[in-house]
Amino acid sequence: MGISVDPTEMPDRLRRYRAEYKLPWDLVRGNTEIILDYNVRSQATLVALDDTGVIIQRTSYGMKSSTDWQALFDKLLVTKH
């Protein structure tokens, strides 16, 4: 699941983004609790969790290539418990 912490991002835009990029996971809007739980300091924070909720990757937007992220997501989808 992808979670946006941008308060201006509406659900319909997230659905269009998911469809445009053919993402195999849902995209939803986050809330204050998620921001605090995962120590998100800016909208450019990217956090990848495994299926048990453990953070396996944390970086800022632009620090990893889209290919790197795709490889990580592919691995997560394959190793899902």
N, C-alpha and C. Protein backbone atom coordinates (compact mmCIF):
# COMPACT_ATOMS: atom_id res chain seq x y z
N MET A 1 0.84 -1.17 0.00
CA MET A 1 0.00 0.00 0.00
C MET A 1 0.89 1.23 0.00
N GLY A 2 0.54 2.20 -0.79
CA GLY A 2 1.21 3.49 -0.78
C GLY A 2 0.36 4.46 0.01
N ILE A 3 1.01 5.27 0.83
CA ILE A 3 0.29 6.23 1.66
C ILE A 3 0.82 7.63 1.38
N SER A 4 -0.06 8.52 0.99
CA SER A 4 0.31 9.90 0.75
C SER A 4 0.02 10.71 2.01
N VAL A 5 0.99 11.53 2.42
CA VAL A 5 0.76 12.42 3.57
C VAL A 5 0.55 13.85 3.11
N ASP A 6 0.36 14.02 1.81
CA ASP A 6 0.06 15.34 1.26
C ASP A 6 -1.42 15.63 1.51
N PRO A 7 -1.73 16.62 2.35
CA PRO A 7 -3.13 16.90 2.69
C PRO A 7 -3.96 17.40 1.52
N THR A 8 -3.31 17.81 0.43
CA THR A 8 -4.06 18.30 -0.73
C THR A 8 -4.33 17.20 -1.74
N GLU A 9 -3.76 16.02 -1.53
CA GLU A 9 -3.93 14.92 -2.49
C GLU A 9 -5.26 14.22 -2.23
N MET A 10 -6.14 14.29 -3.20
CA MET A 10 -7.47 13.70 -3.07
C MET A 10 -7.47 12.25 -3.56
N PRO A 11 -8.38 11.44 -3.02
CA PRO A 11 -8.44 10.01 -3.40
C PRO A 11 -8.55 9.77 -4.90
N ASP A 12 -9.29 10.60 -5.64
CA ASP A 12 -9.43 10.39 -7.08
C ASP A 12 -8.09 10.58 -7.80
N ARG A 13 -7.28 11.52 -7.32
CA ARG A 13 -5.96 11.72 -7.91
C ARG A 13 -5.06 10.52 -7.63
N LEU A 14 -5.15 9.96 -6.43
CA LEU A 14 -4.36 8.77 -6.10
C LEU A 14 -4.77 7.58 -6.96
N ARG A 15 -6.07 7.44 -7.23
CA ARG A 15 -6.55 6.35 -8.10
C ARG A 15 -6.00 6.52 -9.52
N ARG A 16 -6.03 7.76 -10.01
CA ARG A 16 -5.50 8.03 -11.37
C ARG A 16 -4.00 7.75 -11.43
N TYR A 17 -3.27 8.14 -10.40
CA TYR A 17 -1.83 7.91 -10.33
C TYR A 17 -1.54 6.40 -10.33
N ARG A 18 -2.32 5.65 -9.54
CA ARG A 18 -2.14 4.20 -9.49
C ARG A 18 -2.38 3.58 -10.87
N ALA A 19 -3.45 4.02 -11.53
CA ALA A 19 -3.77 3.48 -12.85
C ALA A 19 -2.71 3.87 -13.89
N GLU A 20 -2.28 5.12 -13.85
CA GLU A 20 -1.29 5.61 -14.82
C GLU A 20 0.02 4.82 -14.73
N TYR A 21 0.45 4.54 -13.52
CA TYR A 21 1.73 3.84 -13.32
C TYR A 21 1.56 2.33 -13.14
N LYS A 22 0.30 1.87 -13.27
CA LYS A 22 0.00 0.43 -13.18
C LYS A 22 0.58 -0.19 -11.91
N LEU A 23 0.35 0.49 -10.79
CA LEU A 23 0.87 0.02 -9.50
C LEU A 23 0.00 -1.12 -8.99
N PRO A 24 0.61 -2.20 -8.49
CA PRO A 24 -0.17 -3.35 -8.01
C PRO A 24 -0.62 -3.20 -6.56
N TRP A 25 -0.49 -2.02 -5.99
CA TRP A 25 -0.91 -1.79 -4.61
C TRP A 25 -1.83 -0.59 -4.55
N ASP A 26 -2.60 -0.51 -3.48
CA ASP A 26 -3.49 0.62 -3.26
C ASP A 26 -2.71 1.85 -2.84
N LEU A 27 -3.24 3.02 -3.16
CA LEU A 27 -2.70 4.29 -2.70
C LEU A 27 -3.80 4.96 -1.88
N VAL A 28 -3.46 5.37 -0.67
CA VAL A 28 -4.44 6.00 0.21
C VAL A 28 -3.83 7.24 0.86
N ARG A 29 -4.69 8.07 1.44
CA ARG A 29 -4.23 9.23 2.19
C ARG A 29 -3.91 8.82 3.61
N GLY A 30 -2.81 9.33 4.11
CA GLY A 30 -2.40 9.05 5.48
C GLY A 30 -3.03 10.03 6.45
N ASN A 31 -2.65 9.89 7.71
CA ASN A 31 -3.14 10.78 8.75
C ASN A 31 -2.02 11.10 9.72
N THR A 32 -2.30 11.90 10.72
CA THR A 32 -1.29 12.32 11.68
C THR A 32 -0.64 11.14 12.39
N GLU A 33 -1.42 10.14 12.73
CA GLU A 33 -0.89 8.96 13.43
C GLU A 33 0.18 8.26 12.60
N ILE A 34 -0.06 8.10 11.32
CA ILE A 34 0.91 7.46 10.44
C ILE A 34 2.18 8.30 10.34
N ILE A 35 2.01 9.60 10.20
CA ILE A 35 3.15 10.51 10.12
C ILE A 35 4.03 10.37 11.37
N LEU A 36 3.41 10.32 12.52
CA LEU A 36 4.17 10.19 13.78
C LEU A 36 4.76 8.79 13.93
N ASP A 37 3.98 7.75 13.63
CA ASP A 37 4.45 6.38 13.80
C ASP A 37 5.68 6.08 12.95
N TYR A 38 5.74 6.62 11.74
CA TYR A 38 6.84 6.33 10.84
C TYR A 38 7.83 7.48 10.72
N ASN A 39 7.72 8.45 11.63
CA ASN A 39 8.68 9.54 11.73
C ASN A 39 8.89 10.25 10.40
N VAL A 40 7.78 10.56 9.74
CA VAL A 40 7.84 11.28 8.46
C VAL A 40 8.08 12.75 8.76
N ARG A 41 9.20 13.27 8.26
CA ARG A 41 9.59 14.66 8.51
C ARG A 41 9.25 15.60 7.38
N SER A 42 9.01 15.05 6.20
CA SER A 42 8.63 15.88 5.05
C SER A 42 7.83 15.04 4.08
N GLN A 43 7.14 15.71 3.17
CA GLN A 43 6.36 14.98 2.16
C GLN A 43 7.26 14.16 1.25
N ALA A 44 8.53 14.48 1.21
CA ALA A 44 9.46 13.77 0.35
C ALA A 44 10.03 12.51 1.00
N THR A 45 9.50 12.12 2.15
CA THR A 45 9.96 10.92 2.83
C THR A 45 9.31 9.70 2.18
N LEU A 46 10.14 8.72 1.83
CA LEU A 46 9.65 7.47 1.28
C LEU A 46 10.04 6.35 2.23
N VAL A 47 9.05 5.58 2.65
CA VAL A 47 9.28 4.49 3.59
C VAL A 47 8.68 3.23 2.99
N ALA A 48 9.45 2.16 2.97
CA ALA A 48 8.96 0.87 2.49
C ALA A 48 8.88 -0.06 3.69
N LEU A 49 7.73 -0.74 3.82
CA LEU A 49 7.50 -1.67 4.93
C LEU A 49 7.32 -3.06 4.39
N ASP A 50 7.72 -4.05 5.17
CA ASP A 50 7.40 -5.42 4.76
C ASP A 50 5.97 -5.71 5.21
N ASP A 51 5.48 -6.90 4.96
CA ASP A 51 4.08 -7.19 5.25
C ASP A 51 3.79 -7.32 6.74
N THR A 52 4.82 -7.22 7.59
CA THR A 52 4.60 -7.23 9.04
C THR A 52 4.69 -5.82 9.62
N GLY A 53 4.93 -4.82 8.76
CA GLY A 53 5.00 -3.44 9.21
C GLY A 53 6.39 -2.96 9.60
N VAL A 54 7.41 -3.78 9.37
CA VAL A 54 8.78 -3.40 9.68
C VAL A 54 9.34 -2.54 8.55
N ILE A 55 9.96 -1.42 8.91
CA ILE A 55 10.56 -0.55 7.90
C ILE A 55 11.79 -1.23 7.34
N ILE A 56 11.81 -1.40 6.01
CA ILE A 56 12.97 -2.01 5.37
C ILE A 56 13.73 -1.02 4.49
N GLN A 57 13.14 0.14 4.26
CA GLN A 57 13.81 1.17 3.46
C GLN A 57 13.24 2.52 3.85
N ARG A 58 14.11 3.51 4.05
CA ARG A 58 13.69 4.88 4.32
C ARG A 58 14.64 5.80 3.57
N THR A 59 14.08 6.70 2.80
CA THR A 59 14.90 7.64 2.04
C THR A 59 14.04 8.84 1.69
N SER A 60 14.64 9.78 1.03
CA SER A 60 13.92 10.96 0.55
C SER A 60 13.69 10.85 -0.94
N TYR A 61 12.68 11.52 -1.41
CA TYR A 61 12.36 11.52 -2.84
C TYR A 61 13.60 11.91 -3.65
N GLY A 62 13.87 11.15 -4.69
CA GLY A 62 14.99 11.44 -5.56
C GLY A 62 16.30 10.80 -5.15
N MET A 63 16.34 10.18 -3.98
CA MET A 63 17.58 9.56 -3.50
C MET A 63 17.79 8.17 -4.11
N LYS A 64 16.73 7.55 -4.58
CA LYS A 64 16.82 6.25 -5.25
C LYS A 64 16.12 6.40 -6.60
N SER A 65 16.59 5.64 -7.56
CA SER A 65 15.97 5.69 -8.87
C SER A 65 14.65 4.92 -8.86
N SER A 66 13.83 5.18 -9.84
CA SER A 66 12.58 4.44 -9.95
C SER A 66 12.86 2.95 -10.16
N THR A 67 13.96 2.63 -10.81
CA THR A 67 14.35 1.23 -11.01
C THR A 67 14.67 0.56 -9.68
N ASP A 68 15.38 1.29 -8.80
CA ASP A 68 15.70 0.77 -7.46
C ASP A 68 14.42 0.49 -6.68
N TRP A 69 13.49 1.44 -6.72
CA TRP A 69 12.23 1.26 -5.98
C TRP A 69 11.42 0.12 -6.57
N GLN A 70 11.39 0.02 -7.89
CA GLN A 70 10.64 -1.07 -8.53
C GLN A 70 11.21 -2.42 -8.12
N ALA A 71 12.54 -2.53 -8.07
CA ALA A 71 13.17 -3.78 -7.66
C ALA A 71 12.81 -4.11 -6.21
N LEU A 72 12.81 -3.11 -5.34
CA LEU A 72 12.43 -3.33 -3.95
C LEU A 72 10.97 -3.77 -3.85
N PHE A 73 10.08 -3.10 -4.56
CA PHE A 73 8.66 -3.46 -4.51
C PHE A 73 8.42 -4.86 -5.09
N ASP A 74 9.12 -5.17 -6.17
CA ASP A 74 8.99 -6.52 -6.74
C ASP A 74 9.42 -7.57 -5.72
N LYS A 75 10.52 -7.31 -5.04
CA LYS A 75 11.00 -8.23 -4.01
C LYS A 75 9.97 -8.37 -2.88
N LEU A 76 9.39 -7.25 -2.45
CA LEU A 76 8.39 -7.30 -1.39
C LEU A 76 7.17 -8.10 -1.81
N LEU A 77 6.75 -7.96 -3.05
CA LEU A 77 5.58 -8.69 -3.53
C LEU A 77 5.86 -10.19 -3.60
N VAL A 78 7.08 -10.57 -3.94
CA VAL A 78 7.45 -11.99 -4.03
C VAL A 78 7.62 -12.62 -2.65
N THR A 79 8.17 -11.86 -1.70
CA THR A 79 8.48 -12.41 -0.38
C THR A 79 7.35 -12.21 0.62
N LYS A 80 6.22 -11.78 0.14
CA LYS A 80 5.06 -11.55 1.02
C LYS A 80 4.71 -12.84 1.76
N HIS A 81 4.52 -12.72 3.06
CA HIS A 81 4.20 -13.89 3.91
C HIS A 81 2.78 -14.34 3.71
